[in-house]
Structures are given as structure tokens and as C-alpha cells.
Amino acid sequence: MHIEILVKDVRQSKGVTIASLSRKSGVSAAHLCDIEKNFKSPSLLVMVRIAKALNVDITELYKVKW
């Protein structure tokens, strides 16, 4: 099983920049870039903050592949 993180897809579909998401979520732009490029795995708290900032359910930020 593989869990794909869809932050970049959701962010871009809403027309939100990394800088704006950083301000709204309190997550640094550098950390957001690392998450989007799959360089770092975000904590659940960080994902909750991102979901709230994007005004989506947290489940929209994940895709499970079997």
C-alpha cells in the first residue's frame, strides 16, 4: 500500500500559492515545498493545518494506492 499526498494538486486547483498557504496554515513555505515534492512526510498536525487553510476535508489530501 502506498499513500500519496495531494497537497500540490489541491492547492493548485484552488488557485492558492505556496506563500499564501504558508501564511494561512502557519507551515513554512520551505516545508510545504518539501511535502509537495515528497522529500518530507508531514505530521498529522501539519496536514490538519493545511486542510483547514485550504478549506477541505483532510481526506481530500490523501490518495491510497494498493
N, C-alpha and C. Protein backbone atom coordinates (compact mmCIF):
# COMPACT_ATOMS: atom_id res chain seq x y z
N MET A 1 0.85 -1.18 0.00
CA MET A 1 0.00 0.00 0.00
C MET A 1 0.89 1.24 0.00
N HIS A 2 0.49 2.23 -0.77
CA HIS A 2 1.22 3.48 -0.87
C HIS A 2 0.22 4.61 -0.66
N ILE A 3 0.59 5.58 0.17
CA ILE A 3 -0.27 6.74 0.40
C ILE A 3 0.36 7.94 -0.29
N GLU A 4 -0.36 8.49 -1.25
CA GLU A 4 0.10 9.65 -1.99
C GLU A 4 -0.48 10.92 -1.35
N ILE A 5 0.35 11.92 -1.20
CA ILE A 5 -0.09 13.19 -0.63
C ILE A 5 -0.41 14.14 -1.78
N LEU A 6 -1.60 14.71 -1.77
CA LEU A 6 -2.10 15.51 -2.88
C LEU A 6 -2.14 17.01 -2.59
N VAL A 7 -1.30 17.49 -1.71
CA VAL A 7 -1.33 18.90 -1.33
C VAL A 7 -1.19 19.80 -2.54
N LYS A 8 -0.21 19.52 -3.39
CA LYS A 8 0.04 20.38 -4.54
C LYS A 8 -1.16 20.41 -5.48
N ASP A 9 -1.74 19.25 -5.76
CA ASP A 9 -2.91 19.18 -6.65
C ASP A 9 -4.07 20.00 -6.11
N VAL A 10 -4.38 19.84 -4.84
CA VAL A 10 -5.50 20.56 -4.23
C VAL A 10 -5.20 22.05 -4.17
N ARG A 11 -3.99 22.39 -3.78
CA ARG A 11 -3.60 23.81 -3.69
C ARG A 11 -3.73 24.50 -5.05
N GLN A 12 -3.20 23.86 -6.09
CA GLN A 12 -3.26 24.46 -7.42
C GLN A 12 -4.69 24.52 -7.96
N SER A 13 -5.50 23.52 -7.66
CA SER A 13 -6.90 23.53 -8.14
C SER A 13 -7.69 24.67 -7.52
N LYS A 14 -7.26 25.12 -6.35
CA LYS A 14 -7.94 26.23 -5.68
C LYS A 14 -7.28 27.57 -5.99
N GLY A 15 -6.21 27.55 -6.80
CA GLY A 15 -5.53 28.79 -7.18
C GLY A 15 -4.78 29.44 -6.03
N VAL A 16 -4.29 28.63 -5.11
CA VAL A 16 -3.59 29.13 -3.93
C VAL A 16 -2.08 28.99 -4.14
N THR A 17 -1.33 30.03 -3.84
CA THR A 17 0.12 29.96 -3.94
C THR A 17 0.70 29.32 -2.69
N ILE A 18 1.94 28.87 -2.80
CA ILE A 18 2.62 28.32 -1.63
C ILE A 18 2.76 29.39 -0.55
N ALA A 19 3.07 30.61 -0.95
CA ALA A 19 3.21 31.70 0.02
C ALA A 19 1.91 31.95 0.78
N SER A 20 0.81 31.95 0.05
CA SER A 20 -0.50 32.16 0.69
C SER A 20 -0.85 31.01 1.62
N LEU A 21 -0.62 29.79 1.16
CA LEU A 21 -0.90 28.62 2.01
C LEU A 21 -0.02 28.64 3.26
N SER A 22 1.20 29.06 3.10
CA SER A 22 2.11 29.16 4.25
C SER A 22 1.56 30.13 5.29
N ARG A 23 1.13 31.29 4.83
CA ARG A 23 0.56 32.29 5.76
C ARG A 23 -0.69 31.77 6.46
N LYS A 24 -1.57 31.15 5.69
CA LYS A 24 -2.85 30.68 6.24
C LYS A 24 -2.68 29.49 7.18
N SER A 25 -1.72 28.62 6.88
CA SER A 25 -1.58 27.38 7.66
C SER A 25 -0.55 27.48 8.78
N GLY A 26 0.37 28.45 8.67
CA GLY A 26 1.44 28.55 9.65
C GLY A 26 2.56 27.55 9.40
N VAL A 27 2.53 26.89 8.24
CA VAL A 27 3.57 25.94 7.85
C VAL A 27 4.52 26.69 6.91
N SER A 28 5.80 26.58 7.14
CA SER A 28 6.75 27.34 6.32
C SER A 28 6.65 26.95 4.86
N ALA A 29 6.94 27.91 3.99
CA ALA A 29 6.91 27.66 2.55
C ALA A 29 7.91 26.56 2.18
N ALA A 30 9.06 26.56 2.82
CA ALA A 30 10.08 25.54 2.54
C ALA A 30 9.55 24.15 2.89
N HIS A 31 8.87 24.04 4.02
CA HIS A 31 8.32 22.74 4.43
C HIS A 31 7.21 22.30 3.47
N LEU A 32 6.37 23.24 3.04
CA LEU A 32 5.32 22.91 2.07
C LEU A 32 5.93 22.41 0.77
N CYS A 33 6.98 23.05 0.31
CA CYS A 33 7.66 22.60 -0.92
C CYS A 33 8.20 21.18 -0.75
N ASP A 34 8.80 20.92 0.40
CA ASP A 34 9.33 19.59 0.67
C ASP A 34 8.22 18.53 0.69
N ILE A 35 7.08 18.89 1.25
CA ILE A 35 5.94 17.97 1.28
C ILE A 35 5.44 17.71 -0.14
N GLU A 36 5.30 18.77 -0.92
CA GLU A 36 4.78 18.63 -2.28
C GLU A 36 5.71 17.82 -3.17
N LYS A 37 7.01 17.88 -2.91
CA LYS A 37 7.99 17.13 -3.70
C LYS A 37 8.29 15.75 -3.11
N ASN A 38 7.56 15.40 -2.07
CA ASN A 38 7.73 14.12 -1.37
C ASN A 38 9.12 13.94 -0.77
N PHE A 39 9.74 15.06 -0.40
CA PHE A 39 11.03 15.00 0.29
C PHE A 39 10.83 14.75 1.78
N LYS A 40 9.68 15.18 2.31
CA LYS A 40 9.38 15.01 3.73
C LYS A 40 7.96 14.49 3.89
N SER A 41 7.77 13.68 4.91
CA SER A 41 6.44 13.20 5.26
C SER A 41 5.89 14.10 6.36
N PRO A 42 4.76 14.74 6.12
CA PRO A 42 4.21 15.65 7.11
C PRO A 42 3.55 14.93 8.27
N SER A 43 3.54 15.56 9.41
CA SER A 43 2.83 15.02 10.57
C SER A 43 1.33 15.22 10.35
N LEU A 44 0.54 14.51 11.13
CA LEU A 44 -0.91 14.66 11.05
C LEU A 44 -1.32 16.10 11.38
N LEU A 45 -0.67 16.71 12.36
CA LEU A 45 -0.99 18.09 12.74
C LEU A 45 -0.76 19.03 11.57
N VAL A 46 0.34 18.86 10.87
CA VAL A 46 0.64 19.72 9.72
C VAL A 46 -0.43 19.52 8.63
N MET A 47 -0.82 18.27 8.39
CA MET A 47 -1.84 18.02 7.38
C MET A 47 -3.19 18.62 7.78
N VAL A 48 -3.51 18.59 9.05
CA VAL A 48 -4.75 19.22 9.53
C VAL A 48 -4.70 20.72 9.28
N ARG A 49 -3.57 21.33 9.56
CA ARG A 49 -3.42 22.78 9.34
C ARG A 49 -3.53 23.14 7.86
N ILE A 50 -2.94 22.32 7.01
CA ILE A 50 -3.02 22.55 5.57
C ILE A 50 -4.47 22.39 5.09
N ALA A 51 -5.14 21.34 5.54
CA ALA A 51 -6.53 21.11 5.14
C ALA A 51 -7.42 22.27 5.56
N LYS A 52 -7.25 22.75 6.78
CA LYS A 52 -8.05 23.89 7.25
C LYS A 52 -7.78 25.13 6.41
N ALA A 53 -6.51 25.37 6.10
CA ALA A 53 -6.14 26.55 5.31
C ALA A 53 -6.71 26.48 3.90
N LEU A 54 -6.82 25.26 3.35
CA LEU A 54 -7.38 25.07 2.01
C LEU A 54 -8.89 24.89 2.03
N ASN A 55 -9.46 24.83 3.23
CA ASN A 55 -10.90 24.66 3.42
C ASN A 55 -11.40 23.37 2.76
N VAL A 56 -10.67 22.27 3.04
CA VAL A 56 -11.06 20.95 2.54
C VAL A 56 -11.00 19.95 3.69
N ASP A 57 -11.68 18.84 3.51
CA ASP A 57 -11.57 17.74 4.45
C ASP A 57 -10.18 17.12 4.28
N ILE A 58 -9.58 16.72 5.36
CA ILE A 58 -8.22 16.17 5.30
C ILE A 58 -8.13 14.96 4.37
N THR A 59 -9.21 14.23 4.23
CA THR A 59 -9.18 13.04 3.36
C THR A 59 -8.95 13.42 1.89
N GLU A 60 -9.24 14.66 1.52
CA GLU A 60 -9.00 15.10 0.14
C GLU A 60 -7.52 15.28 -0.16
N LEU A 61 -6.69 15.28 0.87
CA LEU A 61 -5.25 15.48 0.68
C LEU A 61 -4.48 14.17 0.55
N TYR A 62 -5.19 13.05 0.61
CA TYR A 62 -4.55 11.74 0.52
C TYR A 62 -5.18 10.88 -0.56
N LYS A 63 -4.38 10.04 -1.18
CA LYS A 63 -4.87 9.04 -2.12
C LYS A 63 -4.14 7.74 -1.81
N VAL A 64 -4.90 6.68 -1.56
CA VAL A 64 -4.31 5.39 -1.22
C VAL A 64 -4.23 4.54 -2.48
N LYS A 65 -3.04 3.99 -2.72
CA LYS A 65 -2.85 3.09 -3.85
C LYS A 65 -2.48 1.72 -3.31
N TRP A 66 -3.14 0.68 -3.81
CA TRP A 66 -2.87 -0.69 -3.36
C TRP A 66 -1.95 -1.38 -4.32
